[in-house]
Amino acid sequence: MSPQPAADPPAATNAQMSDARLPLAYRDRCAGLLVPLNRCRFETWYLPWKCEDERHSYERCQYDEFMKRVKKMEELKAANPGMRSN
């Protein structure tokens, strides 16, 4: 039995992502979880045992988004057998 995906993460606006100085590569659906994670990391001097809940939430969001992309790719391959993906 596979774990159920978490609810949609809180959305971050472009202004919030810009204020948090997130690189463009990290401005995805999980950015709303990355902003508080980075703030927590900064405030706790990047101690690895701090901010575990925020880190876990962010990593879970990234995993769920990856699984959505994999599922979509499998659906596309099933709909178009014999087609190349690249």
N, C-alpha and C. Protein backbone atom coordinates (compact mmCIF):
# COMPACT_ATOMS: atom_id res chain seq x y z
N MET A 1 0.84 -1.17 0.00
CA MET A 1 0.00 0.00 0.00
C MET A 1 0.89 1.23 0.00
N SER A 2 0.66 2.14 -0.96
CA SER A 2 1.48 3.34 -1.05
C SER A 2 0.90 4.43 -0.17
N PRO A 3 1.76 5.29 0.37
CA PRO A 3 1.27 6.37 1.23
C PRO A 3 0.46 7.37 0.41
N GLN A 4 -0.51 7.98 1.06
CA GLN A 4 -1.36 8.97 0.41
C GLN A 4 -0.60 10.28 0.28
N PRO A 5 -0.75 10.97 -0.85
CA PRO A 5 -0.08 12.27 -0.99
C PRO A 5 -0.66 13.28 -0.02
N ALA A 6 0.18 14.18 0.39
CA ALA A 6 -0.26 15.23 1.32
C ALA A 6 -1.13 16.23 0.58
N ALA A 7 -1.81 17.06 1.33
CA ALA A 7 -2.64 18.10 0.74
C ALA A 7 -1.74 19.10 0.02
N ASP A 8 -2.34 19.90 -0.86
CA ASP A 8 -1.57 20.89 -1.59
C ASP A 8 -0.88 21.84 -0.62
N PRO A 9 0.39 22.15 -0.89
CA PRO A 9 1.11 23.05 0.00
C PRO A 9 0.59 24.48 -0.14
N PRO A 10 0.84 25.30 0.85
CA PRO A 10 0.43 26.70 0.73
C PRO A 10 1.19 27.37 -0.41
N ALA A 11 0.49 28.15 -1.18
CA ALA A 11 1.11 28.80 -2.33
C ALA A 11 1.92 30.01 -1.88
N ALA A 12 3.04 30.22 -2.53
CA ALA A 12 3.86 31.40 -2.26
C ALA A 12 3.72 32.34 -3.46
N THR A 13 3.54 33.60 -3.18
CA THR A 13 3.43 34.57 -4.26
C THR A 13 4.82 34.89 -4.81
N ASN A 14 4.83 35.50 -5.98
CA ASN A 14 6.11 35.90 -6.57
C ASN A 14 6.85 36.87 -5.67
N ALA A 15 6.10 37.76 -5.01
CA ALA A 15 6.74 38.72 -4.11
C ALA A 15 7.38 38.00 -2.92
N GLN A 16 6.69 37.01 -2.35
CA GLN A 16 7.26 36.27 -1.23
C GLN A 16 8.50 35.51 -1.64
N MET A 17 8.46 34.89 -2.81
CA MET A 17 9.63 34.14 -3.28
C MET A 17 10.78 35.09 -3.58
N SER A 18 10.48 36.25 -4.11
CA SER A 18 11.51 37.23 -4.39
C SER A 18 12.11 37.78 -3.10
N ASP A 19 11.25 38.08 -2.13
CA ASP A 19 11.74 38.58 -0.83
C ASP A 19 12.60 37.53 -0.12
N ALA A 20 12.26 36.26 -0.29
CA ALA A 20 13.04 35.18 0.32
C ALA A 20 14.28 34.85 -0.49
N ARG A 21 14.43 35.51 -1.64
CA ARG A 21 15.58 35.32 -2.52
C ARG A 21 15.74 33.86 -2.96
N LEU A 22 14.61 33.24 -3.30
CA LEU A 22 14.67 31.87 -3.81
C LEU A 22 15.18 31.89 -5.24
N PRO A 23 16.12 31.00 -5.57
CA PRO A 23 16.55 30.89 -6.96
C PRO A 23 15.37 30.45 -7.84
N LEU A 24 15.41 30.81 -9.11
CA LEU A 24 14.31 30.49 -10.02
C LEU A 24 14.05 28.99 -10.09
N ALA A 25 15.08 28.18 -9.97
CA ALA A 25 14.92 26.73 -10.06
C ALA A 25 14.07 26.16 -8.91
N TYR A 26 13.97 26.87 -7.80
CA TYR A 26 13.23 26.38 -6.64
C TYR A 26 11.85 26.99 -6.53
N ARG A 27 11.44 27.79 -7.48
CA ARG A 27 10.13 28.45 -7.43
C ARG A 27 9.09 27.55 -8.08
N ASP A 28 8.72 26.51 -7.37
CA ASP A 28 7.73 25.56 -7.86
C ASP A 28 6.57 25.49 -6.89
N ARG A 29 5.76 24.45 -6.99
CA ARG A 29 4.59 24.32 -6.13
C ARG A 29 4.95 24.17 -4.66
N CYS A 30 6.16 23.75 -4.38
CA CYS A 30 6.59 23.53 -2.99
C CYS A 30 7.30 24.74 -2.40
N ALA A 31 7.36 25.83 -3.12
CA ALA A 31 8.06 27.02 -2.63
C ALA A 31 7.42 27.58 -1.37
N GLY A 32 6.12 27.38 -1.21
CA GLY A 32 5.45 27.84 -0.01
C GLY A 32 5.95 27.15 1.25
N LEU A 33 6.54 25.97 1.09
CA LEU A 33 7.13 25.26 2.23
C LEU A 33 8.63 25.56 2.37
N LEU A 34 9.25 25.92 1.26
CA LEU A 34 10.69 26.20 1.29
C LEU A 34 11.00 27.53 1.96
N VAL A 35 10.14 28.51 1.80
CA VAL A 35 10.38 29.83 2.40
C VAL A 35 10.49 29.72 3.93
N PRO A 36 9.50 29.10 4.62
CA PRO A 36 9.66 28.98 6.08
C PRO A 36 10.80 28.05 6.48
N LEU A 37 11.10 27.05 5.67
CA LEU A 37 12.24 26.17 5.97
C LEU A 37 13.54 26.95 5.93
N ASN A 38 13.74 27.74 4.90
CA ASN A 38 14.97 28.53 4.82
C ASN A 38 15.06 29.56 5.94
N ARG A 39 13.92 30.15 6.32
CA ARG A 39 13.92 31.10 7.42
C ARG A 39 14.32 30.40 8.72
N CYS A 40 13.75 29.22 8.95
CA CYS A 40 14.08 28.45 10.15
C CYS A 40 15.56 28.08 10.16
N ARG A 41 16.06 27.64 9.02
CA ARG A 41 17.48 27.28 8.94
C ARG A 41 18.37 28.47 9.28
N PHE A 42 18.03 29.64 8.75
CA PHE A 42 18.83 30.83 9.01
C PHE A 42 18.79 31.20 10.49
N GLU A 43 17.59 31.14 11.08
CA GLU A 43 17.43 31.54 12.48
C GLU A 43 18.09 30.56 13.45
N THR A 44 18.25 29.30 13.06
CA THR A 44 18.86 28.31 13.94
C THR A 44 20.29 27.97 13.53
N TRP A 45 20.88 28.81 12.70
CA TRP A 45 22.26 28.67 12.28
C TRP A 45 22.51 27.36 11.55
N TYR A 46 21.54 26.88 10.81
CA TYR A 46 21.64 25.68 9.98
C TYR A 46 22.01 24.42 10.75
N LEU A 47 21.61 24.34 12.01
CA LEU A 47 21.85 23.14 12.79
C LEU A 47 21.00 22.01 12.21
N PRO A 48 21.61 20.86 11.93
CA PRO A 48 20.89 19.80 11.21
C PRO A 48 19.72 19.20 11.97
N TRP A 49 19.72 19.26 13.28
CA TRP A 49 18.63 18.65 14.04
C TRP A 49 17.48 19.64 14.28
N LYS A 50 17.65 20.85 13.84
CA LYS A 50 16.57 21.84 13.93
C LYS A 50 15.76 21.80 12.64
N CYS A 51 14.56 22.32 12.69
CA CYS A 51 13.70 22.49 11.51
C CYS A 51 13.36 21.16 10.83
N GLU A 52 13.34 20.07 11.59
CA GLU A 52 13.08 18.77 10.99
C GLU A 52 11.67 18.68 10.42
N ASP A 53 10.69 19.26 11.10
CA ASP A 53 9.31 19.19 10.60
C ASP A 53 9.18 19.95 9.28
N GLU A 54 9.78 21.11 9.20
CA GLU A 54 9.72 21.89 7.97
C GLU A 54 10.43 21.18 6.82
N ARG A 55 11.57 20.60 7.13
CA ARG A 55 12.33 19.89 6.10
C ARG A 55 11.57 18.67 5.61
N HIS A 56 10.98 17.93 6.54
CA HIS A 56 10.21 16.75 6.14
C HIS A 56 9.02 17.14 5.27
N SER A 57 8.33 18.20 5.63
CA SER A 57 7.19 18.66 4.83
C SER A 57 7.63 19.05 3.42
N TYR A 58 8.73 19.77 3.33
CA TYR A 58 9.22 20.19 2.02
C TYR A 58 9.65 18.99 1.18
N GLU A 59 10.40 18.07 1.77
CA GLU A 59 10.86 16.91 1.02
C GLU A 59 9.69 16.02 0.60
N ARG A 60 8.67 15.92 1.44
CA ARG A 60 7.48 15.15 1.08
C ARG A 60 6.76 15.79 -0.11
N CYS A 61 6.67 17.10 -0.11
CA CYS A 61 6.06 17.82 -1.22
C CYS A 61 6.84 17.56 -2.51
N GLN A 62 8.16 17.64 -2.45
CA GLN A 62 8.97 17.39 -3.62
C GLN A 62 8.77 15.96 -4.14
N TYR A 63 8.69 15.00 -3.22
CA TYR A 63 8.47 13.61 -3.61
C TYR A 63 7.10 13.44 -4.27
N ASP A 64 6.08 14.03 -3.70
CA ASP A 64 4.73 13.93 -4.28
C ASP A 64 4.68 14.53 -5.68
N GLU A 65 5.34 15.66 -5.86
CA GLU A 65 5.38 16.29 -7.18
C GLU A 65 6.12 15.41 -8.18
N PHE A 66 7.19 14.77 -7.74
CA PHE A 66 7.93 13.85 -8.61
C PHE A 66 7.04 12.68 -9.02
N MET A 67 6.31 12.12 -8.05
CA MET A 67 5.45 10.99 -8.36
C MET A 67 4.33 11.38 -9.32
N LYS A 68 3.84 12.61 -9.23
CA LYS A 68 2.83 13.09 -10.18
C LYS A 68 3.41 13.14 -11.59
N ARG A 69 4.67 13.60 -11.71
CA ARG A 69 5.30 13.66 -13.02
C ARG A 69 5.52 12.27 -13.59
N VAL A 70 5.93 11.32 -12.74
CA VAL A 70 6.14 9.95 -13.19
C VAL A 70 4.83 9.34 -13.67
N LYS A 71 3.76 9.54 -12.91
CA LYS A 71 2.46 9.01 -13.29
C LYS A 71 1.99 9.60 -14.62
N LYS A 72 2.17 10.89 -14.80
CA LYS A 72 1.78 11.55 -16.05
C LYS A 72 2.58 10.99 -17.22
N MET A 73 3.87 10.74 -17.02
CA MET A 73 4.69 10.19 -18.09
C MET A 73 4.25 8.78 -18.44
N GLU A 74 3.90 7.99 -17.43
CA GLU A 74 3.41 6.63 -17.71
C GLU A 74 2.10 6.68 -18.48
N GLU A 75 1.22 7.62 -18.14
CA GLU A 75 -0.04 7.76 -18.87
C GLU A 75 0.21 8.15 -20.32
N LEU A 76 1.16 9.05 -20.56
CA LEU A 76 1.47 9.45 -21.92
C LEU A 76 2.06 8.30 -22.72
N LYS A 77 2.92 7.51 -22.09
CA LYS A 77 3.50 6.35 -22.77
C LYS A 77 2.43 5.32 -23.09
N ALA A 78 1.48 5.10 -22.18
CA ALA A 78 0.41 4.14 -22.41
C ALA A 78 -0.52 4.62 -23.52
N ALA A 79 -0.74 5.91 -23.61
CA ALA A 79 -1.63 6.46 -24.63
C ALA A 79 -0.99 6.45 -26.01
N ASN A 80 0.32 6.51 -26.07
CA ASN A 80 1.04 6.55 -27.35
C ASN A 80 2.11 5.45 -27.38
N PRO A 81 1.71 4.19 -27.53
CA PRO A 81 2.73 3.12 -27.55
C PRO A 81 3.63 3.25 -28.78
N GLY A 82 4.89 2.97 -28.58
CA GLY A 82 5.85 3.05 -29.66
C GLY A 82 6.45 4.41 -29.87
N MET A 83 5.94 5.42 -29.20
CA MET A 83 6.50 6.77 -29.33
C MET A 83 7.72 6.90 -28.43
N ARG A 84 8.69 7.64 -28.90
CA ARG A 84 9.89 7.88 -28.10
C ARG A 84 9.65 9.04 -27.16
N SER A 85 10.26 9.00 -26.00
CA SER A 85 10.09 10.07 -25.02
C SER A 85 11.08 11.19 -25.20
N ASN A 86 12.13 10.99 -26.00
CA ASN A 86 13.10 12.07 -26.17
C ASN A 86 13.10 12.62 -27.54
